[in-house]
Amino acid sequence: MKKLMSVVLLMSVGFITACEGQKVLAENDIPSAITTYVNTHFPSAKILQAVKEKEGLSHSYDVILEGNITLEFNKKQEVTSIESRSALPDSVIPEKILSYVKANYPGSHILQWELDDKRQQVELDNKLELEFSKTGDFLRIDS
């Protein structure tokens, strides 16, 4: 019983700590690089919520726009992920990837784009997930 209480206490502390790592930002507290990005690529979509997440010494931003559009930005306020239920604007997709998708999947639209340290990935409206190198070279269809 004592062990169970210790586990519950540790889990509670972890949950409270995790919650403390998130801060909903007021409109005027959203970094200008993020608002500029949104205004440039999603001019008709209003920011519904922006959250700054802290994990250790690092932080990131999650932004939700009207129209069920979600964006993630890294600590340098560079976009790392975009997800929507409708086609993403061509302006947010790297040119090399956009050209590949238009040439090989002419009737499809990109609904999601993601960048990590080693690769980029897009999801099409036909549910195919395509993986690209960081420089935009096609690697494979992800299953």
C-alpha atoms as a PDB file:
ATOM      1  CA  MET A   1       0.000   0.000   0.000  1.00  0.00           C
ATOM      2  CA  LYS A   2       2.825   2.370   0.892  1.00  0.00           C
ATOM      3  CA  LYS A   3       4.485   1.620  -2.446  1.00  0.00           C
ATOM      4  CA  LEU A   4       1.226   2.313  -4.293  1.00  0.00           C
ATOM      5  CA  MET A   5       0.844   5.676  -2.532  1.00  0.00           C
ATOM      6  CA  SER A   6       4.409   6.580  -3.525  1.00  0.00           C
ATOM      7  CA  VAL A   7       3.686   5.744  -7.157  1.00  0.00           C
ATOM      8  CA  VAL A   8       0.467   7.784  -7.114  1.00  0.00           C
ATOM      9  CA  LEU A   9       2.296  10.717  -5.516  1.00  0.00           C
ATOM     10  CA  LEU A  10       5.080  10.578  -8.108  1.00  0.00           C
ATOM     11  CA  MET A  11       2.559  10.433 -10.951  1.00  0.00           C
ATOM     12  CA  SER A  12       0.695  13.430  -9.515  1.00  0.00           C
ATOM     13  CA  VAL A  13       3.894  15.451  -9.214  1.00  0.00           C
ATOM     14  CA  GLY A  14       4.813  14.519 -12.801  1.00  0.00           C
ATOM     15  CA  PHE A  15       1.372  15.586 -14.037  1.00  0.00           C
ATOM     16  CA  ILE A  16       1.533  18.904 -12.198  1.00  0.00           C
ATOM     17  CA  THR A  17       5.040  19.531 -13.538  1.00  0.00           C
ATOM     18  CA  ALA A  18       3.921  18.718 -17.089  1.00  0.00           C
ATOM     19  CA  CYS A  19       1.008  21.144 -16.798  1.00  0.00           C
ATOM     20  CA  GLU A  20       3.330  23.855 -15.547  1.00  0.00           C
ATOM     21  CA  GLY A  21       5.302  23.477 -18.788  1.00  0.00           C
ATOM     22  CA  GLN A  22       2.422  24.806 -20.881  1.00  0.00           C
ATOM     23  CA  LYS A  23       1.376  28.417 -21.065  1.00  0.00           C
ATOM     24  CA  VAL A  24      -1.479  29.748 -23.157  1.00  0.00           C
ATOM     25  CA  LEU A  25      -0.271  32.976 -24.732  1.00  0.00           C
ATOM     26  CA  ALA A  26      -2.286  36.159 -24.986  1.00  0.00           C
ATOM     27  CA  GLU A  27      -2.527  37.513 -28.531  1.00  0.00           C
ATOM     28  CA  ASN A  28       0.084  40.209 -27.878  1.00  0.00           C
ATOM     29  CA  ASP A  29       2.496  37.623 -26.363  1.00  0.00           C
ATOM     30  CA  ILE A  30       2.670  35.488 -29.524  1.00  0.00           C
ATOM     31  CA  PRO A  31       6.135  35.972 -31.080  1.00  0.00           C
ATOM     32  CA  SER A  32       6.052  38.226 -34.136  1.00  0.00           C
ATOM     33  CA  ALA A  33       7.786  35.605 -36.315  1.00  0.00           C
ATOM     34  CA  ILE A  34       4.843  33.271 -35.708  1.00  0.00           C
ATOM     35  CA  THR A  35       2.156  35.879 -36.375  1.00  0.00           C
ATOM     36  CA  THR A  36       4.000  36.961 -39.537  1.00  0.00           C
ATOM     37  CA  TYR A  37       4.119  33.345 -40.744  1.00  0.00           C
ATOM     38  CA  VAL A  38       0.400  32.863 -40.073  1.00  0.00           C
ATOM     39  CA  ASN A  39      -0.550  36.179 -41.728  1.00  0.00           C
ATOM     40  CA  THR A  40       1.593  35.380 -44.780  1.00  0.00           C
ATOM     41  CA  HIS A  41       0.454  31.808 -45.421  1.00  0.00           C
ATOM     42  CA  PHE A  42      -3.003  31.721 -43.782  1.00  0.00           C
ATOM     43  CA  PRO A  43      -4.237  35.320 -44.196  1.00  0.00           C
ATOM     44  CA  SER A  44      -7.918  34.514 -43.707  1.00  0.00           C
ATOM     45  CA  ALA A  45      -7.428  32.255 -40.673  1.00  0.00           C
ATOM     46  CA  LYS A  46      -7.552  33.729 -37.192  1.00  0.00           C
ATOM     47  CA  ILE A  47      -5.324  32.403 -34.403  1.00  0.00           C
ATOM     48  CA  LEU A  48      -7.650  30.709 -31.919  1.00  0.00           C
ATOM     49  CA  GLN A  49      -4.974  29.637 -29.433  1.00  0.00           C
ATOM     50  CA  ALA A  50      -1.208  29.698 -29.040  1.00  0.00           C
ATOM     51  CA  VAL A  51       0.562  27.638 -26.387  1.00  0.00           C
ATOM     52  CA  LYS A  52       4.202  27.813 -25.359  1.00  0.00           C
ATOM     53  CA  GLU A  53       5.429  24.420 -24.156  1.00  0.00           C
ATOM     54  CA  LYS A  54       8.564  24.042 -22.054  1.00  0.00           C
ATOM     55  CA  GLU A  55      10.451  20.762 -21.707  1.00  0.00           C
ATOM     56  CA  GLY A  56      13.614  21.144 -19.722  1.00  0.00           C
ATOM     57  CA  LEU A  57      15.652  23.902 -21.334  1.00  0.00           C
ATOM     58  CA  SER A  58      13.835  23.690 -24.666  1.00  0.00           C
ATOM     59  CA  HIS A  59      10.498  25.131 -25.687  1.00  0.00           C
ATOM     60  CA  SER A  60       8.120  25.082 -28.635  1.00  0.00           C
ATOM     61  CA  TYR A  61       4.866  26.673 -29.719  1.00  0.00           C
ATOM     62  CA  ASP A  62       1.580  25.047 -30.741  1.00  0.00           C
ATOM     63  CA  VAL A  63      -0.797  27.264 -32.682  1.00  0.00           C
ATOM     64  CA  ILE A  64      -4.392  26.463 -33.587  1.00  0.00           C
ATOM     65  CA  LEU A  65      -6.062  28.414 -36.385  1.00  0.00           C
ATOM     66  CA  GLU A  66      -9.636  28.643 -37.562  1.00  0.00           C
ATOM     67  CA  GLY A  67     -10.516  25.883 -39.992  1.00  0.00           C
ATOM     68  CA  ASN A  68      -8.915  23.080 -37.939  1.00  0.00           C
ATOM     69  CA  ILE A  69      -5.359  24.040 -38.847  1.00  0.00           C
ATOM     70  CA  THR A  70      -2.597  23.204 -36.365  1.00  0.00           C
ATOM     71  CA  LEU A  71       0.971  24.482 -36.567  1.00  0.00           C
ATOM     72  CA  GLU A  72       4.004  23.696 -34.444  1.00  0.00           C
ATOM     73  CA  PHE A  73       7.052  25.927 -34.179  1.00  0.00           C
ATOM     74  CA  ASN A  74      10.430  25.172 -32.610  1.00  0.00           C
ATOM     75  CA  LYS A  75      12.266  27.372 -30.110  1.00  0.00           C
ATOM     76  CA  LYS A  76      13.661  29.422 -33.014  1.00  0.00           C
ATOM     77  CA  GLN A  77      10.043  30.084 -34.039  1.00  0.00           C
ATOM     78  CA  GLU A  78      10.492  28.098 -37.264  1.00  0.00           C
ATOM     79  CA  VAL A  79       7.549  25.986 -38.401  1.00  0.00           C
ATOM     80  CA  THR A  80       8.115  22.241 -37.964  1.00  0.00           C
ATOM     81  CA  SER A  81       4.635  20.815 -38.515  1.00  0.00           C
ATOM     82  CA  ILE A  82       1.392  21.828 -40.223  1.00  0.00           C
ATOM     83  CA  GLU A  83      -1.812  19.820 -40.223  1.00  0.00           C
ATOM     84  CA  SER A  84      -5.197  20.569 -41.753  1.00  0.00           C
ATOM     85  CA  ARG A  85      -8.371  18.811 -42.835  1.00  0.00           C
ATOM     86  CA  SER A  86      -8.207  20.626 -46.168  1.00  0.00           C
ATOM     87  CA  ALA A  87      -5.381  21.231 -48.641  1.00  0.00           C
ATOM     88  CA  LEU A  88      -2.416  23.164 -47.281  1.00  0.00           C
ATOM     89  CA  PRO A  89      -1.424  26.286 -49.215  1.00  0.00           C
ATOM     90  CA  ASP A  90       1.351  25.629 -51.733  1.00  0.00           C
ATOM     91  CA  SER A  91       3.391  28.390 -50.078  1.00  0.00           C
ATOM     92  CA  VAL A  92       4.005  26.295 -46.931  1.00  0.00           C
ATOM     93  CA  ILE A  93       5.365  23.244 -48.778  1.00  0.00           C
ATOM     94  CA  PRO A  94       9.036  23.236 -49.855  1.00  0.00           C
ATOM     95  CA  GLU A  95       9.199  23.656 -53.651  1.00  0.00           C
ATOM     96  CA  LYS A  96      10.994  20.369 -54.342  1.00  0.00           C
ATOM     97  CA  ILE A  97       8.388  18.379 -52.397  1.00  0.00           C
ATOM     98  CA  LEU A  98       5.490  20.289 -53.932  1.00  0.00           C
ATOM     99  CA  SER A  99       6.834  19.611 -57.445  1.00  0.00           C
ATOM    100  CA  TYR A 100       7.225  15.897 -56.690  1.00  0.00           C
ATOM    101  CA  VAL A 101       3.678  15.580 -55.345  1.00  0.00           C
ATOM    102  CA  LYS A 102       2.158  17.521 -58.269  1.00  0.00           C
ATOM    103  CA  ALA A 103       4.060  15.390 -60.807  1.00  0.00           C
ATOM    104  CA  ASN A 104       3.422  11.997 -59.202  1.00  0.00           C
ATOM    105  CA  TYR A 105       0.041  12.508 -57.508  1.00  0.00           C
ATOM    106  CA  PRO A 106      -1.673  15.139 -59.706  1.00  0.00           C
ATOM    107  CA  GLY A 107      -5.158  14.768 -58.210  1.00  0.00           C
ATOM    108  CA  SER A 108      -4.022  14.736 -54.586  1.00  0.00           C
ATOM    109  CA  HIS A 109      -3.606  17.489 -52.016  1.00  0.00           C
ATOM    110  CA  ILE A 110      -1.192  17.728 -49.093  1.00  0.00           C
ATOM    111  CA  LEU A 111      -2.992  17.784 -45.732  1.00  0.00           C
ATOM    112  CA  GLN A 112       0.025  17.503 -43.443  1.00  0.00           C
ATOM    113  CA  TRP A 113       3.714  18.440 -43.561  1.00  0.00           C
ATOM    114  CA  GLU A 114       6.318  17.697 -40.899  1.00  0.00           C
ATOM    115  CA  LEU A 115      10.031  18.406 -40.524  1.00  0.00           C
ATOM    116  CA  ASP A 116      12.398  16.789 -38.062  1.00  0.00           C
ATOM    117  CA  ASP A 117      16.187  16.645 -37.768  1.00  0.00           C
ATOM    118  CA  LYS A 118      16.650  14.123 -40.592  1.00  0.00           C
ATOM    119  CA  ARG A 119      13.594  14.135 -42.846  1.00  0.00           C
ATOM    120  CA  GLN A 120      10.373  15.688 -44.031  1.00  0.00           C
ATOM    121  CA  GLN A 121       7.063  13.912 -44.364  1.00  0.00           C
ATOM    122  CA  VAL A 122       3.778  14.772 -46.048  1.00  0.00           C
ATOM    123  CA  GLU A 123       0.396  13.118 -45.848  1.00  0.00           C
ATOM    124  CA  LEU A 124      -1.884  13.319 -48.874  1.00  0.00           C
ATOM    125  CA  ASP A 125      -5.672  13.398 -48.929  1.00  0.00           C
ATOM    126  CA  ASN A 126      -5.599   9.784 -50.207  1.00  0.00           C
ATOM    127  CA  LYS A 127      -3.907   8.827 -46.886  1.00  0.00           C
ATOM    128  CA  LEU A 128      -0.510   8.126 -48.483  1.00  0.00           C
ATOM    129  CA  GLU A 129       2.434   9.282 -46.401  1.00  0.00           C
ATOM    130  CA  LEU A 130       5.515  10.271 -48.379  1.00  0.00           C
ATOM    131  CA  GLU A 131       8.934  10.622 -46.815  1.00  0.00           C
ATOM    132  CA  PHE A 132      11.601  12.992 -48.100  1.00  0.00           C
ATOM    133  CA  SER A 133      15.146  13.853 -47.085  1.00  0.00           C
ATOM    134  CA  LYS A 134      15.743  17.103 -45.266  1.00  0.00           C
ATOM    135  CA  THR A 135      16.715  18.619 -48.633  1.00  0.00           C
ATOM    136  CA  GLY A 136      13.453  17.455 -50.257  1.00  0.00           C
ATOM    137  CA  ASP A 137      14.581  14.356 -52.166  1.00  0.00           C
ATOM    138  CA  PHE A 138      11.948  11.598 -52.259  1.00  0.00           C
ATOM    139  CA  LEU A 139      12.893   8.609 -50.090  1.00  0.00           C
ATOM    140  CA  ARG A 140       9.903   6.312 -49.866  1.00  0.00           C
ATOM    141  CA  ILE A 141       6.217   5.811 -49.266  1.00  0.00           C
ATOM    142  CA  ASP A 142       5.770   5.398 -45.527  1.00  0.00           C
ATOM    143  CA  SER A 143       3.378   2.714 -44.371  1.00  0.00           C
END
